[in-house]
C-alpha atoms as a PDB file:
ATOM      1  CA  MET A   1      61.805  -4.865  16.089  1.00  0.00           C
ATOM      2  CA  GLU A   2      61.744  -8.412  17.360  1.00  0.00           C
ATOM      3  CA  ARG A   3      58.354  -9.816  16.438  1.00  0.00           C
ATOM      4  CA  LYS A   4      56.517 -12.701  18.013  1.00  0.00           C
ATOM      5  CA  ARG A   5      54.151 -14.908  16.130  1.00  0.00           C
ATOM      6  CA  ILE A   6      50.520 -13.994  16.744  1.00  0.00           C
ATOM      7  CA  GLU A   7      47.738 -16.232  15.549  1.00  0.00           C
ATOM      8  CA  TRP A   8      45.350 -13.580  14.229  1.00  0.00           C
ATOM      9  CA  ASP A   9      42.802 -16.067  12.932  1.00  0.00           C
ATOM     10  CA  GLY A  10      39.698 -15.700  15.083  1.00  0.00           C
ATOM     11  CA  ARG A  11      40.928 -12.669  17.002  1.00  0.00           C
ATOM     12  CA  VAL A  12      38.649  -9.632  17.145  1.00  0.00           C
ATOM     13  CA  ALA A  13      39.776  -6.034  16.706  1.00  0.00           C
ATOM     14  CA  LEU A  14      37.853  -2.815  17.146  1.00  0.00           C
ATOM     15  CA  VAL A  15      39.141  -0.105  14.791  1.00  0.00           C
ATOM     16  CA  THR A  16      37.932   3.497  14.897  1.00  0.00           C
ATOM     17  CA  GLY A  17      38.191   5.760  11.885  1.00  0.00           C
ATOM     18  CA  ALA A  18      37.881   2.567   9.866  1.00  0.00           C
ATOM     19  CA  SER A  19      36.094   3.856   6.763  1.00  0.00           C
ATOM     20  CA  SER A  20      39.183   5.499   5.248  1.00  0.00           C
ATOM     21  CA  GLY A  21      42.865   6.317   5.610  1.00  0.00           C
ATOM     22  CA  ILE A  22      44.905   4.614   8.304  1.00  0.00           C
ATOM     23  CA  GLY A  23      41.901   2.984   9.952  1.00  0.00           C
ATOM     24  CA  LEU A  24      40.814   1.325   6.711  1.00  0.00           C
ATOM     25  CA  ALA A  25      44.375   0.213   5.949  1.00  0.00           C
ATOM     26  CA  VAL A  26      44.659  -1.339   9.436  1.00  0.00           C
ATOM     27  CA  THR A  27      41.351  -3.123   8.888  1.00  0.00           C
ATOM     28  CA  GLN A  28      42.522  -4.497   5.543  1.00  0.00           C
ATOM     29  CA  ALA A  29      45.781  -5.738   7.082  1.00  0.00           C
ATOM     30  CA  LEU A  30      43.958  -7.443   9.950  1.00  0.00           C
ATOM     31  CA  VAL A  31      41.456  -9.133   7.652  1.00  0.00           C
ATOM     32  CA  ARG A  32      44.288 -10.457   5.460  1.00  0.00           C
ATOM     33  CA  ARG A  33      45.727 -12.095   8.573  1.00  0.00           C
ATOM     34  CA  GLY A  34      42.408 -13.709   9.465  1.00  0.00           C
ATOM     35  CA  ALA A  35      41.180 -11.375  12.190  1.00  0.00           C
ATOM     36  CA  ARG A  36      37.610 -10.212  12.563  1.00  0.00           C
ATOM     37  CA  VAL A  37      37.118  -6.461  12.718  1.00  0.00           C
ATOM     38  CA  ALA A  38      34.474  -4.154  14.127  1.00  0.00           C
ATOM     39  CA  MET A  39      34.741  -1.126  11.848  1.00  0.00           C
ATOM     40  CA  VAL A  40      33.780   2.154  13.505  1.00  0.00           C
ATOM     41  CA  ALA A  41      33.262   5.494  11.721  1.00  0.00           C
ATOM     42  CA  ARG A  42      30.835   8.410  11.705  1.00  0.00           C
ATOM     43  CA  SER A  43      29.443   8.042   8.187  1.00  0.00           C
ATOM     44  CA  ARG A  44      27.201   5.007   7.765  1.00  0.00           C
ATOM     45  CA  GLU A  45      27.339   5.381   3.987  1.00  0.00           C
ATOM     46  CA  ARG A  46      31.141   5.420   3.780  1.00  0.00           C
ATOM     47  CA  LEU A  47      31.408   2.639   6.330  1.00  0.00           C
ATOM     48  CA  ASP A  48      28.942   0.411   4.481  1.00  0.00           C
ATOM     49  CA  GLU A  49      30.863   1.067   1.267  1.00  0.00           C
ATOM     50  CA  ALA A  50      34.137   0.060   2.936  1.00  0.00           C
ATOM     51  CA  VAL A  51      32.573  -3.111   4.327  1.00  0.00           C
ATOM     52  CA  HIS A  52      31.190  -3.967   0.885  1.00  0.00           C
ATOM     53  CA  ASP A  53      34.559  -3.392  -0.787  1.00  0.00           C
ATOM     54  CA  LEU A  54      36.284  -5.689   1.702  1.00  0.00           C
ATOM     55  CA  GLY A  55      33.855  -8.431   0.724  1.00  0.00           C
ATOM     56  CA  SER A  56      34.451 -10.414   3.893  1.00  0.00           C
ATOM     57  CA  ASP A  57      32.128 -11.817   6.529  1.00  0.00           C
ATOM     58  CA  ARG A  58      34.871 -11.115   9.067  1.00  0.00           C
ATOM     59  CA  VAL A  59      33.991  -7.404   9.207  1.00  0.00           C
ATOM     60  CA  ALA A  60      30.969  -5.587  10.589  1.00  0.00           C
ATOM     61  CA  ALA A  61      29.996  -1.924  10.498  1.00  0.00           C
ATOM     62  CA  PHE A  62      29.393   0.051  13.685  1.00  0.00           C
ATOM     63  CA  PRO A  63      28.387   3.584  12.607  1.00  0.00           C
ATOM     64  CA  LEU A  64      29.298   5.824  15.519  1.00  0.00           C
ATOM     65  CA  ASP A  65      30.670   9.264  16.336  1.00  0.00           C
ATOM     66  CA  VAL A  66      33.385   8.674  18.942  1.00  0.00           C
ATOM     67  CA  CYS A  67      32.481  12.049  20.468  1.00  0.00           C
ATOM     68  CA  ASP A  68      29.054  10.633  21.382  1.00  0.00           C
ATOM     69  CA  ARG A  69      29.926   9.472  24.892  1.00  0.00           C
ATOM     70  CA  VAL A  70      26.650   7.655  25.495  1.00  0.00           C
ATOM     71  CA  ALA A  71      27.142   5.521  22.376  1.00  0.00           C
ATOM     72  CA  LEU A  72      30.894   5.160  22.909  1.00  0.00           C
ATOM     73  CA  VAL A  73      30.669   3.560  26.346  1.00  0.00           C
ATOM     74  CA  LYS A  74      28.347   0.867  24.963  1.00  0.00           C
ATOM     75  CA  LEU A  75      30.568   0.058  21.995  1.00  0.00           C
ATOM     76  CA  PRO A  76      32.851  -2.679  23.413  1.00  0.00           C
ATOM     77  CA  GLU A  77      29.888  -4.632  24.743  1.00  0.00           C
ATOM     78  CA  ARG A  78      28.175  -4.372  21.357  1.00  0.00           C
ATOM     79  CA  VAL A  79      31.304  -5.703  19.662  1.00  0.00           C
ATOM     80  CA  VAL A  80      31.519  -8.640  22.080  1.00  0.00           C
ATOM     81  CA  ASP A  81      27.816  -9.362  21.519  1.00  0.00           C
ATOM     82  CA  ARG A  82      28.491  -9.461  17.756  1.00  0.00           C
ATOM     83  CA  PHE A  83      31.788 -11.376  17.679  1.00  0.00           C
ATOM     84  CA  GLY A  84      31.971 -13.102  21.048  1.00  0.00           C
ATOM     85  CA  ARG A  85      35.232 -11.499  22.208  1.00  0.00           C
ATOM     86  CA  LEU A  86      37.506  -8.472  21.965  1.00  0.00           C
ATOM     87  CA  ASP A  87      41.285  -8.739  21.637  1.00  0.00           C
ATOM     88  CA  CYS A  88      42.536  -5.477  20.198  1.00  0.00           C
ATOM     89  CA  VAL A  89      41.509  -1.819  20.075  1.00  0.00           C
ATOM     90  CA  VAL A  90      43.072   0.435  17.422  1.00  0.00           C
ATOM     91  CA  GLN A  91      42.111   4.087  17.841  1.00  0.00           C
ATOM     92  CA  SER A  92      42.616   5.854  14.538  1.00  0.00           C
ATOM     93  CA  ALA A  93      39.706   8.319  14.463  1.00  0.00           C
ATOM     94  CA  GLY A  94      40.909  11.904  14.523  1.00  0.00           C
ATOM     95  CA  VAL A  95      39.990  15.512  13.824  1.00  0.00           C
ATOM     96  CA  ASN A  96      42.043  18.565  12.895  1.00  0.00           C
ATOM     97  CA  HIS A  97      41.088  22.163  12.145  1.00  0.00           C
ATOM     98  CA  ARG A  98      44.164  24.058  11.029  1.00  0.00           C
ATOM     99  CA  GLY A  99      44.754  27.736  11.685  1.00  0.00           C
ATOM    100  CA  ALA A 100      45.674  29.995  14.567  1.00  0.00           C
ATOM    101  CA  VAL A 101      43.787  29.339  17.800  1.00  0.00           C
ATOM    102  CA  ALA A 102      42.246  32.822  17.632  1.00  0.00           C
ATOM    103  CA  GLU A 103      40.759  31.953  14.227  1.00  0.00           C
ATOM    104  CA  ARG A 104      39.054  28.744  15.321  1.00  0.00           C
ATOM    105  CA  THR A 105      35.733  28.442  17.109  1.00  0.00           C
ATOM    106  CA  ILE A 106      35.239  26.967  20.565  1.00  0.00           C
ATOM    107  CA  GLU A 107      33.320  24.097  18.936  1.00  0.00           C
ATOM    108  CA  GLU A 108      36.188  23.331  16.555  1.00  0.00           C
ATOM    109  CA  LEU A 109      38.839  23.359  19.284  1.00  0.00           C
ATOM    110  CA  GLY A 110      36.689  21.279  21.595  1.00  0.00           C
ATOM    111  CA  GLY A 111      35.997  18.825  18.781  1.00  0.00           C
ATOM    112  CA  ILE A 112      39.719  18.246  18.258  1.00  0.00           C
ATOM    113  CA  LEU A 113      40.246  17.455  21.942  1.00  0.00           C
ATOM    114  CA  ASP A 114      37.129  15.292  22.175  1.00  0.00           C
ATOM    115  CA  ALA A 115      37.945  13.138  19.144  1.00  0.00           C
ATOM    116  CA  ASN A 116      41.716  12.890  19.552  1.00  0.00           C
ATOM    117  CA  LEU A 117      42.117  12.611  23.311  1.00  0.00           C
ATOM    118  CA  VAL A 118      38.911  12.307  25.326  1.00  0.00           C
ATOM    119  CA  ALA A 119      37.369   9.584  23.155  1.00  0.00           C
ATOM    120  CA  PRO A 120      40.472   7.316  23.203  1.00  0.00           C
ATOM    121  CA  VAL A 121      40.711   7.638  26.989  1.00  0.00           C
ATOM    122  CA  LEU A 122      37.051   6.785  27.501  1.00  0.00           C
ATOM    123  CA  LEU A 123      36.994   3.948  24.956  1.00  0.00           C
ATOM    124  CA  THR A 124      40.071   2.439  26.569  1.00  0.00           C
ATOM    125  CA  ARG A 125      38.379   2.534  29.954  1.00  0.00           C
ATOM    126  CA  VAL A 126      35.232   0.739  28.796  1.00  0.00           C
ATOM    127  CA  ALA A 127      37.183  -1.759  26.670  1.00  0.00           C
ATOM    128  CA  LEU A 128      39.586  -2.870  29.417  1.00  0.00           C
ATOM    129  CA  PRO A 129      37.159  -5.245  31.199  1.00  0.00           C
ATOM    130  CA  PHE A 130      36.738  -7.199  27.939  1.00  0.00           C
ATOM    131  CA  LEU A 131      40.429  -7.505  27.034  1.00  0.00           C
ATOM    132  CA  LYS A 132      42.269 -10.651  28.112  1.00  0.00           C
ATOM    133  CA  PRO A 133      46.020 -11.326  28.421  1.00  0.00           C
ATOM    134  CA  GLY A 134      47.526 -11.105  24.971  1.00  0.00           C
ATOM    135  CA  GLY A 135      45.249  -8.204  24.104  1.00  0.00           C
ATOM    136  CA  ALA A 136      46.444  -4.864  22.783  1.00  0.00           C
ATOM    137  CA  ILE A 137      45.549  -1.195  22.705  1.00  0.00           C
ATOM    138  CA  VAL A 138      47.039   0.914  19.905  1.00  0.00           C
ATOM    139  CA  ASN A 139      46.598   4.679  19.758  1.00  0.00           C
ATOM    140  CA  ILE A 140      47.443   6.594  16.591  1.00  0.00           C
ATOM    141  CA  ALA A 141      49.083   9.828  17.716  1.00  0.00           C
ATOM    142  CA  SER A 142      51.455  11.988  15.645  1.00  0.00           C
ATOM    143  CA  LEU A 143      54.986  13.352  15.524  1.00  0.00           C
ATOM    144  CA  ALA A 144      53.206  16.662  16.158  1.00  0.00           C
ATOM    145  CA  GLY A 145      52.732  15.327  19.682  1.00  0.00           C
ATOM    146  CA  LYS A 146      56.504  15.586  20.123  1.00  0.00           C
ATOM    147  CA  VAL A 147      57.171  18.828  18.260  1.00  0.00           C
ATOM    148  CA  PRO A 148      54.173  21.197  18.425  1.00  0.00           C
ATOM    149  CA  ILE A 149      53.296  22.792  15.100  1.00  0.00           C
ATOM    150  CA  ARG A 150      52.219  26.378  14.593  1.00  0.00           C
ATOM    151  CA  ASP A 151      48.612  26.684  13.378  1.00  0.00           C
ATOM    152  CA  GLU A 152      47.988  23.175  14.722  1.00  0.00           C
ATOM    153  CA  ALA A 153      48.366  24.006  18.418  1.00  0.00           C
ATOM    154  CA  THR A 154      45.295  22.174  19.699  1.00  0.00           C
ATOM    155  CA  TYR A 155      45.933  19.180  17.454  1.00  0.00           C
ATOM    156  CA  SER A 156      49.527  19.012  18.723  1.00  0.00           C
ATOM    157  CA  ALA A 157      48.297  19.251  22.315  1.00  0.00           C
ATOM    158  CA  SER A 158      45.778  16.454  21.787  1.00  0.00           C
ATOM    159  CA  LYS A 159      48.424  14.131  20.349  1.00  0.00           C
ATOM    160  CA  ALA A 160      50.926  14.985  23.093  1.00  0.00           C
ATOM    161  CA  GLY A 161      48.236  14.128  25.613  1.00  0.00           C
ATOM    162  CA  LEU A 162      47.515  10.852  23.828  1.00  0.00           C
ATOM    163  CA  ARG A 163      51.217   9.957  23.968  1.00  0.00           C
ATOM    164  CA  ALA A 164      51.300  10.703  27.702  1.00  0.00           C
ATOM    165  CA  PHE A 165      48.157   8.649  28.267  1.00  0.00           C
ATOM    166  CA  GLY A 166      49.605   5.663  26.428  1.00  0.00           C
ATOM    167  CA  ARG A 167      52.886   5.736  28.340  1.00  0.00           C
ATOM    168  CA  ALA A 168      51.196   6.015  31.721  1.00  0.00           C
ATOM    169  CA  LEU A 169      48.603   3.373  30.871  1.00  0.00           C
ATOM    170  CA  GLY A 170      51.356   0.997  29.800  1.00  0.00           C
ATOM    171  CA  GLU A 171      52.877   1.328  33.255  1.00  0.00           C
ATOM    172  CA  GLU A 172      49.518   0.749  34.931  1.00  0.00           C
ATOM    173  CA  LEU A 173      48.961  -2.420  32.901  1.00  0.00           C
ATOM    174  CA  ARG A 174      52.464  -3.810  33.329  1.00  0.00           C
ATOM    175  CA  GLY A 175      52.212  -7.500  34.198  1.00  0.00           C
ATOM    176  CA  SER A 176      48.596  -7.772  33.019  1.00  0.00           C
ATOM    177  CA  GLY A 177      49.461  -9.387  29.691  1.00  0.00           C
ATOM    178  CA  LEU A 178      48.021  -6.397  27.817  1.00  0.00           C
ATOM    179  CA  THR A 179      50.181  -4.167  25.631  1.00  0.00           C
ATOM    180  CA  VAL A 180      49.746  -0.460  24.956  1.00  0.00           C
ATOM    181  CA  THR A 181      51.378   1.107  21.918  1.00  0.00           C
ATOM    182  CA  THR A 182      51.389   4.645  20.586  1.00  0.00           C
ATOM    183  CA  VAL A 183      52.086   4.950  16.860  1.00  0.00           C
ATOM    184  CA  CYS A 184      53.307   8.411  15.821  1.00  0.00           C
ATOM    185  CA  PRO A 185      53.262   9.027  12.062  1.00  0.00           C
ATOM    186  CA  GLY A 186      54.580  12.079  10.310  1.00  0.00           C
ATOM    187  CA  PRO A 187      52.610  13.217   7.228  1.00  0.00           C
ATOM    188  CA  VAL A 188      50.476  10.468   5.696  1.00  0.00           C
ATOM    189  CA  ASP A 189      49.103  10.635   2.155  1.00  0.00           C
ATOM    190  CA  THR A 190      45.407  10.317   3.007  1.00  0.00           C
ATOM    191  CA  GLY A 191      42.353  12.545   2.900  1.00  0.00           C
ATOM    192  CA  PHE A 192      43.106  13.605   6.477  1.00  0.00           C
ATOM    193  CA  LEU A 193      45.665  16.062   5.117  1.00  0.00           C
ATOM    194  CA  GLY A 194      42.774  18.023   3.673  1.00  0.00           C
ATOM    195  CA  ASP A 195      43.610  21.027   1.514  1.00  0.00           C
ATOM    196  CA  ALA A 196      47.393  20.980   1.213  1.00  0.00           C
ATOM    197  CA  ARG A 197      47.393  24.778   0.932  1.00  0.00           C
ATOM    198  CA  ASP A 198      46.433  24.946   4.621  1.00  0.00           C
ATOM    199  CA  VAL A 199      49.135  22.523   5.810  1.00  0.00           C
ATOM    200  CA  PRO A 200      52.164  24.233   7.434  1.00  0.00           C
ATOM    201  CA  PRO A 201      55.292  23.780   5.256  1.00  0.00           C
ATOM    202  CA  ILE A 202      57.245  22.137   8.079  1.00  0.00           C
ATOM    203  CA  VAL A 203      54.879  19.155   7.887  1.00  0.00           C
ATOM    204  CA  PHE A 204      56.108  18.493   4.346  1.00  0.00           C
ATOM    205  CA  SER A 205      59.741  18.626   5.427  1.00  0.00           C
ATOM    206  CA  GLN A 206      59.472  14.927   6.290  1.00  0.00           C
ATOM    207  CA  PRO A 207      58.860  11.988   3.935  1.00  0.00           C
ATOM    208  CA  MET A 208      55.219  11.237   3.195  1.00  0.00           C
ATOM    209  CA  SER A 209      54.108   7.802   4.405  1.00  0.00           C
ATOM    210  CA  SER A 210      51.306   5.702   2.967  1.00  0.00           C
ATOM    211  CA  ALA A 211      48.366   4.472   5.024  1.00  0.00           C
ATOM    212  CA  ALA A 212      49.479   0.902   4.269  1.00  0.00           C
ATOM    213  CA  SER A 213      52.939   1.490   5.738  1.00  0.00           C
ATOM    214  CA  VAL A 214      51.402   2.885   8.920  1.00  0.00           C
ATOM    215  CA  ALA A 215      49.073  -0.128   9.116  1.00  0.00           C
ATOM    216  CA  ASP A 216      52.064  -2.468   8.813  1.00  0.00           C
ATOM    217  CA  ALA A 217      53.720  -0.570  11.661  1.00  0.00           C
ATOM    218  CA  VAL A 218      50.580  -0.933  13.789  1.00  0.00           C
ATOM    219  CA  LEU A 219      50.554  -4.714  13.433  1.00  0.00           C
ATOM    220  CA  ALA A 220      54.320  -4.910  13.919  1.00  0.00           C
ATOM    221  CA  SER A 221      54.003  -2.881  17.120  1.00  0.00           C
ATOM    222  CA  ILE A 222      51.436  -5.321  18.483  1.00  0.00           C
ATOM    223  CA  GLU A 223      53.608  -8.281  17.604  1.00  0.00           C
ATOM    224  CA  SER A 224      56.704  -6.705  19.158  1.00  0.00           C
ATOM    225  CA  ALA A 225      54.947  -5.138  22.179  1.00  0.00           C
ATOM    226  CA  ARG A 226      56.679  -1.821  21.482  1.00  0.00           C
ATOM    227  CA  GLY A 227      55.531   1.077  23.649  1.00  0.00           C
ATOM    228  CA  GLU A 228      55.950   3.713  20.945  1.00  0.00           C
ATOM    229  CA  VAL A 229      56.711   3.648  17.233  1.00  0.00           C
ATOM    230  CA  ASP A 230      57.624   6.611  15.015  1.00  0.00           C
ATOM    231  CA  ILE A 231      57.016   6.652  11.263  1.00  0.00           C
ATOM    232  CA  PRO A 232      59.291   7.243   9.425  1.00  0.00           C
ATOM    233  CA  HIS A 233      61.961   6.169  11.874  1.00  0.00           C
ATOM    234  CA  LEU A 234      64.425   8.967  11.065  1.00  0.00           C
ATOM    235  CA  SER A 235      61.676  11.588  11.281  1.00  0.00           C
ATOM    236  CA  GLY A 236      60.939  10.245  14.739  1.00  0.00           C
ATOM    237  CA  LYS A 237      64.575  10.725  15.718  1.00  0.00           C
ATOM    238  CA  LEU A 238      64.425  14.328  14.509  1.00  0.00           C
ATOM    239  CA  ALA A 239      61.178  14.913  16.413  1.00  0.00           C
ATOM    240  CA  THR A 240      62.726  13.441  19.552  1.00  0.00           C
ATOM    241  CA  LEU A 241      65.660  15.820  19.154  1.00  0.00           C
ATOM    242  CA  GLY A 242      63.224  18.708  18.885  1.00  0.00           C
ATOM    243  CA  TYR A 243      61.386  17.456  21.960  1.00  0.00           C
ATOM    244  CA  LEU A 244      64.561  17.182  24.030  1.00  0.00           C
ATOM    245  CA  ALA A 245      66.358  20.266  22.666  1.00  0.00           C
ATOM    246  CA  PRO A 246      63.753  22.833  21.635  1.00  0.00           C
ATOM    247  CA  ALA A 247      66.328  25.627  21.218  1.00  0.00           C
ATOM    248  CA  LEU A 248      68.314  23.535  18.736  1.00  0.00           C
ATOM    249  CA  PHE A 249      65.147  22.617  16.870  1.00  0.00           C
ATOM    250  CA  SER A 250      64.187  26.298  16.671  1.00  0.00           C
ATOM    251  CA  ALA A 251      67.519  26.944  14.990  1.00  0.00           C
ATOM    252  CA  LEU A 252      66.826  24.152  12.479  1.00  0.00           C
ATOM    253  CA  ARG A 253      63.221  25.191  11.854  1.00  0.00           C
ATOM    254  CA  PRO A 254      63.936  27.703   9.019  1.00  0.00           C
ATOM    255  CA  VAL A 255      65.881  25.054   7.109  1.00  0.00           C
ATOM    256  CA  LEU A 256      63.091  22.510   7.573  1.00  0.00           C
ATOM    257  CA  GLU A 257      60.440  25.020   6.544  1.00  0.00           C
ATOM    258  CA  ARG A 258      62.294  25.865   3.324  1.00  0.00           C
ATOM    259  CA  ARG A 259      62.638  22.186   2.482  1.00  0.00           C
ATOM    260  CA  GLY A 260      58.990  21.643   3.397  1.00  0.00           C
ATOM    261  CA  ALA A 261      57.869  24.500   1.143  1.00  0.00           C
ATOM    262  CA  ARG A 262      59.643  22.877  -1.812  1.00  0.00           C
ATOM    263  CA  ASN A 263      58.145  19.466  -1.039  1.00  0.00           C
ATOM    264  CA  LYS A 264      54.712  21.014  -0.558  1.00  0.00           C
ATOM    265  CA  ALA A 265      54.877  22.643  -3.988  1.00  0.00           C
ATOM    266  CA  ARG A 266      55.802  19.296  -5.562  1.00  0.00           C
ATOM    267  CA  PHE A 267      53.012  17.542  -3.670  1.00  0.00           C
ATOM    268  CA  MET A 268      50.401  20.068  -4.793  1.00  0.00           C
ATOM    269  CA  SER A 269      51.547  19.846  -8.398  1.00  0.00           C
ATOM    270  CA  GLY A 270      51.201  16.071  -8.326  1.00  0.00           C
ATOM    271  CA  GLU A 271      54.814  15.692  -9.351  1.00  0.00           C
ATOM    272  CA  PRO A 272      55.658  11.946  -9.526  1.00  0.00           C
ATOM    273  CA  GLY A 273      58.902  12.471  -7.630  1.00  0.00           C
ATOM    274  CA  ARG A 274      57.268  13.768  -4.480  1.00  0.00           C
ATOM    275  CA  ARG A 275      58.783  12.237  -1.367  1.00  0.00           C
ATOM    276  CA  ARG A 276      56.908   9.292   0.018  1.00  0.00           C
ATOM    277  CA  THR A 277      57.692   6.156   2.011  1.00  0.00           C
ATOM    278  CA  SER A 278      55.854   3.055   0.844  1.00  0.00           C
END
């Protein structure tokens, strides 16, 4: 990726899901570069702890459930009132409830769609009037948005929708000076994985990324104005193949699932050699 120099010092970013995982790693990376960050997450306690650990006056906590539409639409204005401007929105908050659709409740399925798709669309809409040329919107989607995963049907649908939203929005904003990027990680070694026993084996067929590596990709995508970034790169190529040639991917699926089952067993045992990209 060809990167341009961005002077982060003084810039203001709004990061959702910022108390842990990818959102926290993005916040840490931004703060190291001199940016100020509005950290958004549901749990006030966890958010306050994250702010305390960062030990910087360049961060502020905004406890908020992104599914609360009344609070969400007021968020960008609150951030501007606190920091004086808004330059970047990174949408990392997400929800997943694994299992067959028939086994999940209406509330669980609706919660996935609300957090992963509806909230990013609405937050983008209310943030746009505050973003100036040079600003950026980054949505954290998933490779599951390219290749739908069994027992994660609604999650896959939400991330596919987020990818479509980002691509279309990028076209709408062409020439505005704003960039829209969709970052699509494969498996990431964070608490979002939940109980590994419930994760489909095919997820583990790809190298495990760290939250820090995804955060680096987020900042690189802003600096390169890339429309979409896959992590790891080769896993993205495989997912694109599956997206374009579903019959071929179906033929490869048993091989990937066997490899994933082996990797999953190593991951659950805590084996030091488990596959991970730094």
